[in-house]
């Protein structure tokens, strides 16, 4: 008998950051600046758990499964 899975949702894994007092965005992703710094001094974050400024929209967004860790935004 075949097994079929239908994932119905994705959310950032940012519980540890939240417990550490790092600011999260509206959707629960870690908020970072253009240098990938969080709201806590000397703490950086990258990857699928962060939101960053979208170059076209001009606002902070979270894109799950996107290569955020490989892109650096210039101010």
Protein backbone atom coordinates (compact mmCIF):
# COMPACT_ATOMS: atom_id res chain seq x y z
CA UNK A 1 0.00 0.00 0.00
CA UNK A 2 1.57 3.38 -1.02
CA UNK A 3 1.98 6.18 1.46
CA UNK A 4 1.23 9.75 0.37
CA UNK A 5 2.12 12.78 2.48
CA UNK A 6 0.73 16.26 2.00
CA UNK A 7 2.64 18.88 4.01
CA UNK A 8 0.15 21.61 4.86
CA UNK A 9 2.26 24.27 6.46
CA UNK A 10 5.70 25.62 7.15
CA UNK A 11 6.89 27.80 9.97
CA UNK A 12 10.33 29.03 10.97
CA UNK A 13 12.16 27.15 13.71
CA UNK A 14 12.93 30.17 15.88
CA UNK A 15 11.92 29.02 19.37
CA UNK A 16 15.50 29.18 20.69
CA UNK A 17 15.91 32.73 19.38
CA UNK A 18 12.62 33.75 20.97
CA UNK A 19 13.71 32.28 24.32
CA UNK A 20 16.98 34.23 24.02
CA UNK A 21 15.07 37.51 23.62
CA UNK A 22 15.86 38.00 19.92
CA UNK A 23 13.25 40.05 18.05
CA UNK A 24 11.05 38.01 15.72
CA UNK A 25 9.07 39.29 12.75
CA UNK A 26 5.31 39.15 12.27
CA UNK A 27 5.43 35.58 10.98
CA UNK A 28 7.74 34.27 13.71
CA UNK A 29 10.98 34.37 11.69
CA UNK A 30 14.11 35.96 13.17
CA UNK A 31 14.42 39.63 12.28
CA UNK A 32 17.87 40.57 10.91
CA UNK A 33 19.45 43.66 9.39
CA UNK A 34 21.38 43.88 6.10
CA UNK A 35 24.48 42.48 7.85
CA UNK A 36 22.54 39.44 9.15
CA UNK A 37 22.72 40.75 12.73
CA UNK A 38 19.86 40.04 15.12
CA UNK A 39 18.61 42.39 17.82
CA UNK A 40 21.14 40.90 20.27
CA UNK A 41 24.72 42.16 20.04
CA UNK A 42 27.14 39.72 18.31
CA UNK A 43 24.38 37.26 17.38
CA UNK A 44 23.91 36.62 13.65
CA UNK A 45 21.39 34.45 11.87
CA UNK A 46 20.82 33.16 8.34
CA UNK A 47 18.86 30.60 6.40
CA UNK A 48 15.24 29.54 6.42
CA UNK A 49 14.55 30.89 9.91
CA UNK A 50 15.15 34.59 9.11
CA UNK A 51 13.24 37.32 7.41
CA UNK A 52 15.08 39.91 5.37
CA UNK A 53 14.38 42.95 3.21
CA UNK A 54 12.93 42.05 -0.18
CA UNK A 55 14.71 44.12 -2.82
CA UNK A 56 11.57 44.66 -4.93
CA UNK A 57 8.92 45.00 -2.23
CA UNK A 58 11.14 47.02 0.10
CA UNK A 59 9.78 45.28 3.20
CA UNK A 60 10.94 42.50 5.47
CA UNK A 61 9.64 39.11 4.37
CA UNK A 62 10.17 35.46 5.20
CA UNK A 63 10.60 33.03 2.31
CA UNK A 64 10.73 29.42 3.48
CA UNK A 65 13.01 27.11 1.51
CA UNK A 66 14.73 30.10 -0.10
CA UNK A 67 18.53 30.53 -0.24
CA UNK A 68 18.53 33.47 2.21
CA UNK A 69 21.84 32.39 3.68
CA UNK A 70 23.56 32.84 0.33
CA UNK A 71 22.39 36.38 -0.36
CA UNK A 72 23.78 39.55 1.14
CA UNK A 73 21.73 42.72 0.84
CA UNK A 74 23.59 45.95 0.18
CA UNK A 75 22.17 49.09 1.82
